[in-house]
Amino acid sequence: RSDGGSTYYAHFAEGRFTISKDNTKSTLYLEMTNLTPEDTGVY
C-alpha cells in the first residue's frame, strides 16, 4: 500500500520474501530469504 500499511504476496513469496518501503527516502525494498534456483530472474 502507498503508506506501507498493508502488503500482499504471491504464493511462492509468502513467508520467504518481505516487501517494505521507506517513503521518507523514496525507497522500496524486497528482502528475500531461503532462496532457491527457481527464484532466479530479473526483478
PDB file of all heavy atoms in Angstrom:
ATOM      1  N   ARG A   1       0.827  -1.183   0.000  1.00  0.00           N
ATOM      2  CA  ARG A   1       0.000   0.000   0.000  1.00  0.00           C
ATOM      3  C   ARG A   1       0.876   1.253   0.000  1.00  0.00           C
ATOM      4  O   ARG A   1       2.021   1.232   0.437  1.00  0.00           O
ATOM      5  CB  ARG A   1      -0.898  -0.029   1.239  1.00  0.00           C
ATOM      6  CG  ARG A   1      -1.870   1.111   1.419  1.00  0.00           C
ATOM      7  CD  ARG A   1      -2.634   0.896   2.728  1.00  0.00           C
ATOM      8  NE  ARG A   1      -3.270   2.112   3.202  1.00  0.00           N
ATOM      9  CZ  ARG A   1      -4.562   2.386   3.072  1.00  0.00           C
ATOM     10  NH1 ARG A   1      -5.373   1.521   2.486  1.00  0.00           N
ATOM     11  NH2 ARG A   1      -5.038   3.535   3.545  1.00  0.00           N
ATOM     12  N   SER A   2       0.328   2.368  -0.475  1.00  0.00           N
ATOM     13  CA  SER A   2       1.117   3.581  -0.605  1.00  0.00           C
ATOM     14  C   SER A   2       1.773   4.019   0.703  1.00  0.00           C
ATOM     15  O   SER A   2       2.916   4.498   0.695  1.00  0.00           O
ATOM     16  CB  SER A   2       0.263   4.726  -1.163  1.00  0.00           C
ATOM     17  OG  SER A   2      -0.844   4.998  -0.316  1.00  0.00           O
ATOM     18  N   ASP A   3       1.062   3.846   1.821  1.00  0.00           N
ATOM     19  CA  ASP A   3       1.620   4.233   3.110  1.00  0.00           C
ATOM     20  C   ASP A   3       2.383   3.093   3.790  1.00  0.00           C
ATOM     21  O   ASP A   3       2.841   3.260   4.923  1.00  0.00           O
ATOM     22  CB  ASP A   3       0.540   4.763   4.042  1.00  0.00           C
ATOM     23  CG  ASP A   3      -0.505   3.720   4.415  1.00  0.00           C
ATOM     24  OD1 ASP A   3      -0.403   2.573   3.951  1.00  0.00           O
ATOM     25  OD2 ASP A   3      -1.428   4.059   5.175  1.00  0.00           O
ATOM     26  N   GLY A   4       2.511   1.974   3.117  1.00  0.00           N
ATOM     27  CA  GLY A   4       3.220   0.835   3.667  1.00  0.00           C
ATOM     28  C   GLY A   4       2.451   0.046   4.695  1.00  0.00           C
ATOM     29  O   GLY A   4       3.012  -0.865   5.315  1.00  0.00           O
ATOM     30  N   GLY A   5       1.180   0.357   4.885  1.00  0.00           N
ATOM     31  CA  GLY A   5       0.405  -0.252   5.945  1.00  0.00           C
ATOM     32  C   GLY A   5      -0.070  -1.667   5.683  1.00  0.00           C
ATOM     33  O   GLY A   5      -0.393  -2.390   6.629  1.00  0.00           O
ATOM     34  N   SER A   6      -0.138  -2.056   4.418  1.00  0.00           N
ATOM     35  CA  SER A   6      -0.617  -3.387   4.068  1.00  0.00           C
ATOM     36  C   SER A   6       0.250  -3.957   2.962  1.00  0.00           C
ATOM     37  O   SER A   6       0.771  -3.212   2.120  1.00  0.00           O
ATOM     38  CB  SER A   6      -2.074  -3.345   3.603  1.00  0.00           C
ATOM     39  OG  SER A   6      -2.931  -2.863   4.623  1.00  0.00           O
ATOM     40  N   THR A   7       0.394  -5.268   2.964  1.00  0.00           N
ATOM     41  CA  THR A   7       1.177  -5.953   1.943  1.00  0.00           C
ATOM     42  C   THR A   7       0.428  -7.168   1.434  1.00  0.00           C
ATOM     43  O   THR A   7      -0.481  -7.689   2.091  1.00  0.00           O
ATOM     44  CB  THR A   7       2.544  -6.395   2.480  1.00  0.00           C
ATOM     45  OG1 THR A   7       2.351  -7.242   3.626  1.00  0.00           O
ATOM     46  CG2 THR A   7       3.375  -5.187   2.899  1.00  0.00           C
ATOM     47  N   TYR A   8       0.826  -7.629   0.257  1.00  0.00           N
ATOM     48  CA  TYR A   8       0.227  -8.797  -0.354  1.00  0.00           C
ATOM     49  C   TYR A   8       1.300  -9.526  -1.134  1.00  0.00           C
ATOM     50  O   TYR A   8       2.111  -8.898  -1.817  1.00  0.00           O
ATOM     51  CB  TYR A   8      -0.923  -8.389  -1.275  1.00  0.00           C
ATOM     52  CG  TYR A   8      -1.602  -9.545  -1.956  1.00  0.00           C
ATOM     53  CD1 TYR A   8      -2.433 -10.405  -1.247  1.00  0.00           C
ATOM     54  CD2 TYR A   8      -1.408  -9.783  -3.315  1.00  0.00           C
ATOM     55  CE1 TYR A   8      -3.056 -11.464  -1.871  1.00  0.00           C
ATOM     56  CE2 TYR A   8      -2.023 -10.846  -3.944  1.00  0.00           C
ATOM     57  CZ  TYR A   8      -2.853 -11.687  -3.217  1.00  0.00           C
ATOM     58  OH  TYR A   8      -3.463 -12.732  -3.841  1.00  0.00           O
ATOM     59  N   TYR A   9       1.307 -10.864  -1.052  1.00  0.00           N
ATOM     60  CA  TYR A   9       2.359 -11.657  -1.654  1.00  0.00           C
ATOM     61  C   TYR A   9       1.816 -12.743  -2.565  1.00  0.00           C
ATOM     62  O   TYR A   9       0.746 -13.320  -2.309  1.00  0.00           O
ATOM     63  CB  TYR A   9       3.203 -12.336  -0.573  1.00  0.00           C
ATOM     64  CG  TYR A   9       3.959 -11.376   0.308  1.00  0.00           C
ATOM     65  CD1 TYR A   9       3.396 -10.887   1.482  1.00  0.00           C
ATOM     66  CD2 TYR A   9       5.236 -10.957  -0.039  1.00  0.00           C
ATOM     67  CE1 TYR A   9       4.086 -10.003   2.288  1.00  0.00           C
ATOM     68  CE2 TYR A   9       5.934 -10.070   0.767  1.00  0.00           C
ATOM     69  CZ  TYR A   9       5.356  -9.600   1.926  1.00  0.00           C
ATOM     70  OH  TYR A   9       6.062  -8.727   2.721  1.00  0.00           O
ATOM     71  N   ALA A  10       2.583 -13.032  -3.611  1.00  0.00           N
ATOM     72  CA  ALA A  10       2.329 -14.233  -4.383  1.00  0.00           C
ATOM     73  C   ALA A  10       2.574 -15.448  -3.495  1.00  0.00           C
ATOM     74  O   ALA A  10       3.331 -15.380  -2.522  1.00  0.00           O
ATOM     75  CB  ALA A  10       3.250 -14.283  -5.602  1.00  0.00           C
ATOM     76  N   HIS A  11       1.960 -16.558  -3.842  1.00  0.00           N
ATOM     77  CA  HIS A  11       2.072 -17.746  -3.009  1.00  0.00           C
ATOM     78  C   HIS A  11       3.524 -18.173  -2.816  1.00  0.00           C
ATOM     79  O   HIS A  11       3.937 -18.533  -1.705  1.00  0.00           O
ATOM     80  CB  HIS A  11       1.263 -18.891  -3.615  1.00  0.00           C
ATOM     81  CG  HIS A  11       1.310 -20.150  -2.818  1.00  0.00           C
ATOM     82  ND1 HIS A  11       2.194 -21.173  -3.093  1.00  0.00           N
ATOM     83  CD2 HIS A  11       0.597 -20.553  -1.734  1.00  0.00           C
ATOM     84  CE1 HIS A  11       2.019 -22.151  -2.222  1.00  0.00           C
ATOM     85  NE2 HIS A  11       1.059 -21.798  -1.392  1.00  0.00           N
ATOM     86  N   PHE A  12       4.314 -18.128  -3.892  1.00  0.00           N
ATOM     87  CA  PHE A  12       5.692 -18.588  -3.779  1.00  0.00           C
ATOM     88  C   PHE A  12       6.541 -17.685  -2.897  1.00  0.00           C
ATOM     89  O   PHE A  12       7.591 -18.110  -2.411  1.00  0.00           O
ATOM     90  CB  PHE A  12       6.341 -18.709  -5.174  1.00  0.00           C
ATOM     91  CG  PHE A  12       6.540 -17.409  -5.894  1.00  0.00           C
ATOM     92  CD1 PHE A  12       7.615 -16.594  -5.600  1.00  0.00           C
ATOM     93  CD2 PHE A  12       5.654 -17.012  -6.878  1.00  0.00           C
ATOM     94  CE1 PHE A  12       7.809 -15.397  -6.269  1.00  0.00           C
ATOM     95  CE2 PHE A  12       5.836 -15.816  -7.556  1.00  0.00           C
ATOM     96  CZ  PHE A  12       6.908 -15.009  -7.246  1.00  0.00           C
ATOM     97  N   ALA A  13       6.099 -16.436  -2.709  1.00  0.00           N
ATOM     98  CA  ALA A  13       6.861 -15.480  -1.918  1.00  0.00           C
ATOM     99  C   ALA A  13       6.445 -15.442  -0.454  1.00  0.00           C
ATOM    100  O   ALA A  13       7.234 -15.008   0.404  1.00  0.00           O
ATOM    101  CB  ALA A  13       6.726 -14.082  -2.520  1.00  0.00           C
ATOM    102  N   GLU A  14       5.255 -15.872  -0.161  1.00  0.00           N
ATOM    103  CA  GLU A  14       4.730 -15.799   1.197  1.00  0.00           C
ATOM    104  C   GLU A  14       5.629 -16.552   2.167  1.00  0.00           C
ATOM    105  O   GLU A  14       5.963 -17.712   1.963  1.00  0.00           O
ATOM    106  CB  GLU A  14       3.321 -16.368   1.236  1.00  0.00           C
ATOM    107  CG  GLU A  14       2.669 -16.336   2.609  1.00  0.00           C
ATOM    108  CD  GLU A  14       2.381 -14.932   3.078  1.00  0.00           C
ATOM    109  OE1 GLU A  14       1.980 -14.093   2.238  1.00  0.00           O
ATOM    110  OE2 GLU A  14       2.569 -14.659   4.282  1.00  0.00           O
ATOM    111  N   GLY A  15       6.027 -15.869   3.226  1.00  0.00           N
ATOM    112  CA  GLY A  15       6.858 -16.478   4.247  1.00  0.00           C
ATOM    113  C   GLY A  15       8.344 -16.434   3.967  1.00  0.00           C
ATOM    114  O   GLY A  15       9.150 -16.717   4.870  1.00  0.00           O
ATOM    115  N   ARG A  16       8.737 -16.106   2.744  1.00  0.00           N
ATOM    116  CA  ARG A  16      10.153 -16.034   2.390  1.00  0.00           C
ATOM    117  C   ARG A  16      10.588 -14.618   2.015  1.00  0.00           C
ATOM    118  O   ARG A  16      11.713 -14.233   2.297  1.00  0.00           O
ATOM    119  CB  ARG A  16      10.470 -16.961   1.216  1.00  0.00           C
ATOM    120  CG  ARG A  16      10.265 -18.432   1.508  1.00  0.00           C
ATOM    121  CD  ARG A  16      10.904 -19.284   0.416  1.00  0.00           C
ATOM    122  NE  ARG A  16      10.315 -19.019  -0.901  1.00  0.00           N
ATOM    123  CZ  ARG A  16      11.009 -18.705  -1.985  1.00  0.00           C
ATOM    124  NH1 ARG A  16      12.331 -18.623  -1.934  1.00  0.00           N
ATOM    125  NH2 ARG A  16      10.388 -18.488  -3.139  1.00  0.00           N
ATOM    126  N   PHE A  17       9.717 -13.882   1.363  1.00  0.00           N
ATOM    127  CA  PHE A  17      10.041 -12.538   0.896  1.00  0.00           C
ATOM    128  C   PHE A  17       9.301 -11.508   1.738  1.00  0.00           C
ATOM    129  O   PHE A  17       8.180 -11.751   2.207  1.00  0.00           O
ATOM    130  CB  PHE A  17       9.636 -12.350  -0.565  1.00  0.00           C
ATOM    131  CG  PHE A  17      10.380 -13.205  -1.554  1.00  0.00           C
ATOM    132  CD1 PHE A  17      11.327 -14.132  -1.154  1.00  0.00           C
ATOM    133  CD2 PHE A  17      10.119 -13.071  -2.915  1.00  0.00           C
ATOM    134  CE1 PHE A  17      12.008 -14.911  -2.077  1.00  0.00           C
ATOM    135  CE2 PHE A  17      10.792 -13.839  -3.847  1.00  0.00           C
ATOM    136  CZ  PHE A  17      11.737 -14.761  -3.432  1.00  0.00           C
ATOM    137  N   THR A  18       9.912 -10.342   1.891  1.00  0.00           N
ATOM    138  CA  THR A  18       9.293  -9.246   2.616  1.00  0.00           C
ATOM    139  C   THR A  18       9.415  -7.966   1.807  1.00  0.00           C
ATOM    140  O   THR A  18      10.525  -7.548   1.464  1.00  0.00           O
ATOM    141  CB  THR A  18       9.941  -9.039   3.989  1.00  0.00           C
ATOM    142  OG1 THR A  18       9.828 -10.235   4.764  1.00  0.00           O
ATOM    143  CG2 THR A  18       9.249  -7.900   4.731  1.00  0.00           C
ATOM    144  N   ILE A  19       8.289  -7.358   1.497  1.00  0.00           N
ATOM    145  CA  ILE A  19       8.277  -6.074   0.811  1.00  0.00           C
ATOM    146  C   ILE A  19       8.090  -4.977   1.851  1.00  0.00           C
ATOM    147  O   ILE A  19       7.302  -5.119   2.789  1.00  0.00           O
ATOM    148  CB  ILE A  19       7.174  -6.013  -0.263  1.00  0.00           C
ATOM    149  CG1 ILE A  19       7.262  -4.706  -1.060  1.00  0.00           C
ATOM    150  CG2 ILE A  19       5.791  -6.194   0.349  1.00  0.00           C
ATOM    151  CD1 ILE A  19       6.314  -4.659  -2.261  1.00  0.00           C
ATOM    152  N   SER A  20       8.820  -3.899   1.694  1.00  0.00           N
ATOM    153  CA  SER A  20       8.695  -2.767   2.601  1.00  0.00           C
ATOM    154  C   SER A  20       9.054  -1.500   1.851  1.00  0.00           C
ATOM    155  O   SER A  20       9.649  -1.545   0.771  1.00  0.00           O
ATOM    156  CB  SER A  20       9.593  -2.938   3.835  1.00  0.00           C
ATOM    157  OG  SER A  20      10.961  -2.993   3.470  1.00  0.00           O
ATOM    158  N   LYS A  21       8.690  -0.376   2.422  1.00  0.00           N
ATOM    159  CA  LYS A  21       9.054   0.891   1.808  1.00  0.00           C
ATOM    160  C   LYS A  21       9.313   1.940   2.868  1.00  0.00           C
ATOM    161  O   LYS A  21       8.730   1.916   3.950  1.00  0.00           O
ATOM    162  CB  LYS A  21       7.963   1.362   0.829  1.00  0.00           C
ATOM    163  CG  LYS A  21       6.640   1.676   1.473  1.00  0.00           C
ATOM    164  CD  LYS A  21       5.506   1.995   0.488  1.00  0.00           C
ATOM    165  CE  LYS A  21       5.870   2.827  -0.684  1.00  0.00           C
ATOM    166  NZ  LYS A  21       4.716   3.560  -1.257  1.00  0.00           N
ATOM    167  N   ASP A  22      10.211   2.838   2.543  1.00  0.00           N
ATOM    168  CA  ASP A  22      10.526   3.980   3.383  1.00  0.00           C
ATOM    169  C   ASP A  22      10.191   5.216   2.565  1.00  0.00           C
ATOM    170  O   ASP A  22      10.977   5.641   1.715  1.00  0.00           O
ATOM    171  CB  ASP A  22      11.995   3.960   3.793  1.00  0.00           C
ATOM    172  CG  ASP A  22      12.352   5.084   4.757  1.00  0.00           C
ATOM    173  OD1 ASP A  22      11.574   6.061   4.862  1.00  0.00           O
ATOM    174  OD2 ASP A  22      13.401   4.991   5.412  1.00  0.00           O
ATOM    175  N   ASN A  23       9.035   5.781   2.802  1.00  0.00           N
ATOM    176  CA  ASN A  23       8.590   6.902   1.989  1.00  0.00           C
ATOM    177  C   ASN A  23       9.427   8.156   2.201  1.00  0.00           C
ATOM    178  O   ASN A  23       9.521   8.991   1.301  1.00  0.00           O
ATOM    179  CB  ASN A  23       7.118   7.207   2.275  1.00  0.00           C
ATOM    180  CG  ASN A  23       6.184   6.151   1.724  1.00  0.00           C
ATOM    181  OD1 ASN A  23       6.553   5.376   0.843  1.00  0.00           O
ATOM    182  ND2 ASN A  23       4.960   6.117   2.230  1.00  0.00           N
ATOM    183  N   THR A  24      10.040   8.303   3.374  1.00  0.00           N
ATOM    184  CA  THR A  24      10.889   9.462   3.615  1.00  0.00           C
ATOM    185  C   THR A  24      12.143   9.417   2.765  1.00  0.00           C
ATOM    186  O   THR A  24      12.739  10.457   2.486  1.00  0.00           O
ATOM    187  CB  THR A  24      11.280   9.579   5.089  1.00  0.00           C
ATOM    188  OG1 THR A  24      12.118   8.479   5.465  1.00  0.00           O
ATOM    189  CG2 THR A  24      10.051   9.590   5.972  1.00  0.00           C
ATOM    190  N   LYS A  25      12.560   8.220   2.353  1.00  0.00           N
ATOM    191  CA  LYS A  25      13.729   8.042   1.493  1.00  0.00           C
ATOM    192  C   LYS A  25      13.346   7.666   0.070  1.00  0.00           C
ATOM    193  O   LYS A  25      14.227   7.424  -0.755  1.00  0.00           O
ATOM    194  CB  LYS A  25      14.649   6.972   2.071  1.00  0.00           C
ATOM    195  CG  LYS A  25      15.220   7.305   3.437  1.00  0.00           C
ATOM    196  CD  LYS A  25      16.125   6.187   3.929  1.00  0.00           C
ATOM    197  CE  LYS A  25      16.717   6.516   5.281  1.00  0.00           C
ATOM    198  NZ  LYS A  25      17.595   5.430   5.782  1.00  0.00           N
ATOM    199  N   SER A  26      12.063   7.613  -0.210  1.00  0.00           N
ATOM    200  CA  SER A  26      11.565   7.196  -1.527  1.00  0.00           C
ATOM    201  C   SER A  26      12.232   5.900  -1.971  1.00  0.00           C
ATOM    202  O   SER A  26      12.734   5.789  -3.099  1.00  0.00           O
ATOM    203  CB  SER A  26      11.797   8.303  -2.558  1.00  0.00           C
ATOM    204  OG  SER A  26      11.002   9.440  -2.266  1.00  0.00           O
ATOM    205  N   THR A  27      12.223   4.922  -1.075  1.00  0.00           N
ATOM    206  CA  THR A  27      12.894   3.659  -1.339  1.00  0.00           C
ATOM    207  C   THR A  27      11.964   2.488  -1.067  1.00  0.00           C
ATOM    208  O   THR A  27      11.299   2.445  -0.028  1.00  0.00           O
ATOM    209  CB  THR A  27      14.159   3.513  -0.487  1.00  0.00           C
ATOM    210  OG1 THR A  27      15.027   4.630  -0.725  1.00  0.00           O
ATOM    211  CG2 THR A  27      14.901   2.237  -0.840  1.00  0.00           C
ATOM    212  N   LEU A  28      11.938   1.562  -1.984  1.00  0.00           N
ATOM    213  CA  LEU A  28      11.191   0.317  -1.874  1.00  0.00           C
ATOM    214  C   LEU A  28      12.186  -0.822  -1.764  1.00  0.00           C
ATOM    215  O   LEU A  28      13.205  -0.832  -2.459  1.00  0.00           O
ATOM    216  CB  LEU A  28      10.309   0.126  -3.106  1.00  0.00           C
ATOM    217  CG  LEU A  28       9.503  -1.168  -3.184  1.00  0.00           C
ATOM    218  CD1 LEU A  28       8.317  -1.115  -2.224  1.00  0.00           C
ATOM    219  CD2 LEU A  28       9.032  -1.418  -4.615  1.00  0.00           C
ATOM    220  N   TYR A  29      11.880  -1.796  -0.919  1.00  0.00           N
ATOM    221  CA  TYR A  29      12.770  -2.924  -0.700  1.00  0.00           C
ATOM    222  C   TYR A  29      12.049  -4.243  -0.924  1.00  0.00           C
ATOM    223  O   TYR A  29      10.837  -4.355  -0.724  1.00  0.00           O
ATOM    224  CB  TYR A  29      13.300  -2.940   0.735  1.00  0.00           C
ATOM    225  CG  TYR A  29      14.037  -1.703   1.160  1.00  0.00           C
ATOM    226  CD1 TYR A  29      13.381  -0.693   1.858  1.00  0.00           C
ATOM    227  CD2 TYR A  29      15.391  -1.544   0.881  1.00  0.00           C
ATOM    228  CE1 TYR A  29      14.056   0.443   2.266  1.00  0.00           C
ATOM    229  CE2 TYR A  29      16.074  -0.412   1.282  1.00  0.00           C
ATOM    230  CZ  TYR A  29      15.400   0.579   1.978  1.00  0.00           C
ATOM    231  OH  TYR A  29      16.075   1.705   2.385  1.00  0.00           O
ATOM    232  N   LEU A  30      12.816  -5.224  -1.315  1.00  0.00           N
ATOM    233  CA  LEU A  30      12.357  -6.600  -1.295  1.00  0.00           C
ATOM    234  C   LEU A  30      13.459  -7.435  -0.672  1.00  0.00           C
ATOM    235  O   LEU A  30      14.537  -7.567  -1.251  1.00  0.00           O
ATOM    236  CB  LEU A  30      12.031  -7.120  -2.701  1.00  0.00           C
ATOM    237  CG  LEU A  30      11.490  -8.546  -2.750  1.00  0.00           C
ATOM    238  CD1 LEU A  30      10.091  -8.616  -2.124  1.00  0.00           C
ATOM    239  CD2 LEU A  30      11.459  -9.077  -4.183  1.00  0.00           C
ATOM    240  N   GLU A  31      13.201  -7.972   0.503  1.00  0.00           N
ATOM    241  CA  GLU A  31      14.139  -8.853   1.175  1.00  0.00           C
ATOM    242  C   GLU A  31      13.723 -10.292   0.926  1.00  0.00           C
ATOM    243  O   GLU A  31      12.578 -10.657   1.187  1.00  0.00           O
ATOM    244  CB  GLU A  31      14.179  -8.542   2.667  1.00  0.00           C
ATOM    245  CG  GLU A  31      14.673  -7.140   2.981  1.00  0.00           C
ATOM    246  CD  GLU A  31      14.829  -6.877   4.460  1.00  0.00           C
ATOM    247  OE1 GLU A  31      14.933  -7.852   5.239  1.00  0.00           O
ATOM    248  OE2 GLU A  31      14.856  -5.698   4.852  1.00  0.00           O
ATOM    249  N   MET A  32      14.650 -11.077   0.430  1.00  0.00           N
ATOM    250  CA  MET A  32      14.375 -12.448   0.051  1.00  0.00           C
ATOM    251  C   MET A  32      15.230 -13.385   0.875  1.00  0.00           C
ATOM    252  O   MET A  32      16.441 -13.187   0.987  1.00  0.00           O
ATOM    253  CB  MET A  32      14.652 -12.645  -1.443  1.00  0.00           C
ATOM    254  CG  MET A  32      13.801 -11.761  -2.337  1.00  0.00           C
ATOM    255  SD  MET A  32      14.314 -11.832  -4.079  1.00  0.00           S
ATOM    256  CE  MET A  32      15.775 -10.797  -4.001  1.00  0.00           C
ATOM    257  N   THR A  33      14.608 -14.404   1.433  1.00  0.00           N
ATOM    258  CA  THR A  33      15.320 -15.397   2.223  1.00  0.00           C
ATOM    259  C   THR A  33      14.993 -16.790   1.710  1.00  0.00           C
ATOM    260  O   THR A  33      14.033 -16.994   0.973  1.00  0.00           O
ATOM    261  CB  THR A  33      14.951 -15.301   3.712  1.00  0.00           C
ATOM    262  OG1 THR A  33      13.558 -15.577   3.883  1.00  0.00           O
ATOM    263  CG2 THR A  33      15.266 -13.915   4.256  1.00  0.00           C
ATOM    264  N   ASN A  34      15.820 -17.757   2.134  1.00  0.00           N
ATOM    265  CA  ASN A  34      15.632 -19.147   1.734  1.00  0.00           C
ATOM    266  C   ASN A  34      15.457 -19.268   0.227  1.00  0.00           C
ATOM    267  O   ASN A  34      14.544 -19.939  -0.264  1.00  0.00           O
ATOM    268  CB  ASN A  34      14.444 -19.762   2.469  1.00  0.00           C
ATOM    269  CG  ASN A  34      14.433 -21.275   2.406  1.00  0.00           C
ATOM    270  OD1 ASN A  34      15.472 -21.910   2.226  1.00  0.00           O
ATOM    271  ND2 ASN A  34      13.256 -21.866   2.541  1.00  0.00           N
ATOM    272  N   LEU A  35      16.335 -18.627  -0.496  1.00  0.00           N
ATOM    273  CA  LEU A  35      16.230 -18.578  -1.947  1.00  0.00           C
ATOM    274  C   LEU A  35      16.521 -19.931  -2.585  1.00  0.00           C
ATOM    275  O   LEU A  35      17.315 -20.721  -2.076  1.00  0.00           O
ATOM    276  CB  LEU A  35      17.184 -17.531  -2.501  1.00  0.00           C
ATOM    277  CG  LEU A  35      16.762 -16.084  -2.255  1.00  0.00           C
ATOM    278  CD1 LEU A  35      17.948 -15.146  -2.405  1.00  0.00           C
ATOM    279  CD2 LEU A  35      15.635 -15.692  -3.212  1.00  0.00           C
ATOM    280  N   THR A  36      15.866 -20.172  -3.700  1.00  0.00           N
ATOM    281  CA  THR A  36      16.068 -21.380  -4.488  1.00  0.00           C
ATOM    282  C   THR A  36      16.425 -20.989  -5.912  1.00  0.00           C
ATOM    283  O   THR A  36      16.190 -19.853  -6.335  1.00  0.00           O
ATOM    284  CB  THR A  36      14.803 -22.254  -4.500  1.00  0.00           C
ATOM    285  OG1 THR A  36      13.811 -21.654  -5.339  1.00  0.00           O
ATOM    286  CG2 THR A  36      14.244 -22.424  -3.095  1.00  0.00           C
ATOM    287  N   PRO A  37      17.002 -21.919  -6.691  1.00  0.00           N
ATOM    288  CA  PRO A  37      17.301 -21.597  -8.088  1.00  0.00           C
ATOM    289  C   PRO A  37      16.086 -21.130  -8.882  1.00  0.00           C
ATOM    290  O   PRO A  37      16.237 -20.360  -9.839  1.00  0.00           O
ATOM    291  CB  PRO A  37      17.857 -22.914  -8.632  1.00  0.00           C
ATOM    292  CG  PRO A  37      18.476 -23.562  -7.443  1.00  0.00           C
ATOM    293  CD  PRO A  37      17.558 -23.221  -6.301  1.00  0.00           C
ATOM    294  N   GLU A  38      14.898 -21.561  -8.498  1.00  0.00           N
ATOM    295  CA  GLU A  38      13.685 -21.136  -9.184  1.00  0.00           C
ATOM    296  C   GLU A  38      13.385 -19.655  -8.977  1.00  0.00           C
ATOM    297  O   GLU A  38      12.553 -19.088  -9.696  1.00  0.00           O
ATOM    298  CB  GLU A  38      12.493 -21.974  -8.725  1.00  0.00           C
ATOM    299  CG  GLU A  38      12.494 -23.414  -9.250  1.00  0.00           C
ATOM    300  CD  GLU A  38      13.595 -24.265  -8.642  1.00  0.00           C
ATOM    301  OE1 GLU A  38      13.878 -24.107  -7.428  1.00  0.00           O
ATOM    302  OE2 GLU A  38      14.172 -25.091  -9.376  1.00  0.00           O
ATOM    303  N   ASP A  39      14.034 -19.028  -8.012  1.00  0.00           N
ATOM    304  CA  ASP A  39      13.866 -17.598  -7.782  1.00  0.00           C
ATOM    305  C   ASP A  39      14.730 -16.753  -8.702  1.00  0.00           C
ATOM    306  O   ASP A  39      14.619 -15.519  -8.691  1.00  0.00           O
ATOM    307  CB  ASP A  39      14.192 -17.244  -6.330  1.00  0.00           C
ATOM    308  CG  ASP A  39      13.218 -17.857  -5.344  1.00  0.00           C
ATOM    309  OD1 ASP A  39      11.993 -17.817  -5.616  1.00  0.00           O
ATOM    310  OD2 ASP A  39      13.671 -18.371  -4.302  1.00  0.00           O
ATOM    311  N   THR A  40      15.591 -17.380  -9.474  1.00  0.00           N
ATOM    312  CA  THR A  40      16.460 -16.658 -10.388  1.00  0.00           C
ATOM    313  C   THR A  40      15.642 -15.889 -11.417  1.00  0.00           C
ATOM    314  O   THR A  40      14.671 -16.407 -11.963  1.00  0.00           O
ATOM    315  CB  THR A  40      17.413 -17.627 -11.098  1.00  0.00           C
ATOM    316  OG1 THR A  40      18.317 -18.190 -10.141  1.00  0.00           O
ATOM    317  CG2 THR A  40      18.223 -16.921 -12.177  1.00  0.00           C
ATOM    318  N   GLY A  41      16.041 -14.648 -11.672  1.00  0.00           N
ATOM    319  CA  GLY A  41      15.356 -13.848 -12.661  1.00  0.00           C
ATOM    320  C   GLY A  41      15.679 -12.378 -12.506  1.00  0.00           C
ATOM    321  O   GLY A  41      16.472 -11.987 -11.646  1.00  0.00           O
ATOM    322  N   VAL A  42      15.072 -11.580 -13.337  1.00  0.00           N
ATOM    323  CA  VAL A  42      15.197 -10.134 -13.257  1.00  0.00           C
ATOM    324  C   VAL A  42      14.018  -9.607 -12.451  1.00  0.00           C
ATOM    325  O   VAL A  42      12.861  -9.812 -12.829  1.00  0.00           O
ATOM    326  CB  VAL A  42      15.233  -9.486 -14.649  1.00  0.00           C
ATOM    327  CG1 VAL A  42      15.251  -7.963 -14.520  1.00  0.00           C
ATOM    328  CG2 VAL A  42      16.445  -9.969 -15.428  1.00  0.00           C
ATOM    329  N   TYR A  43      14.315  -8.931 -11.370  1.00  0.00           N
ATOM    330  CA  TYR A  43      13.283  -8.382 -10.510  1.00  0.00           C
ATOM    331  C   TYR A  43      13.083  -6.914 -10.826  1.00  0.00           C
ATOM    332  O   TYR A  43      14.048  -6.159 -10.948  1.00  0.00           O
ATOM    333  CB  TYR A  43      13.673  -8.576  -9.044  1.00  0.00           C
ATOM    334  CG  TYR A  43      13.487 -10.002  -8.589  1.00  0.00           C
ATOM    335  CD1 TYR A  43      14.315 -11.007  -9.060  1.00  0.00           C
ATOM    336  CD2 TYR A  43      12.463 -10.352  -7.706  1.00  0.00           C
ATOM    337  CE1 TYR A  43      14.132 -12.326  -8.672  1.00  0.00           C
ATOM    338  CE2 TYR A  43      12.277 -11.663  -7.310  1.00  0.00           C
ATOM    339  CZ  TYR A  43      13.112 -12.652  -7.793  1.00  0.00           C
ATOM    340  OH  TYR A  43      12.924 -13.958  -7.398  1.00  0.00           O
TER     341      TYR A  43
END
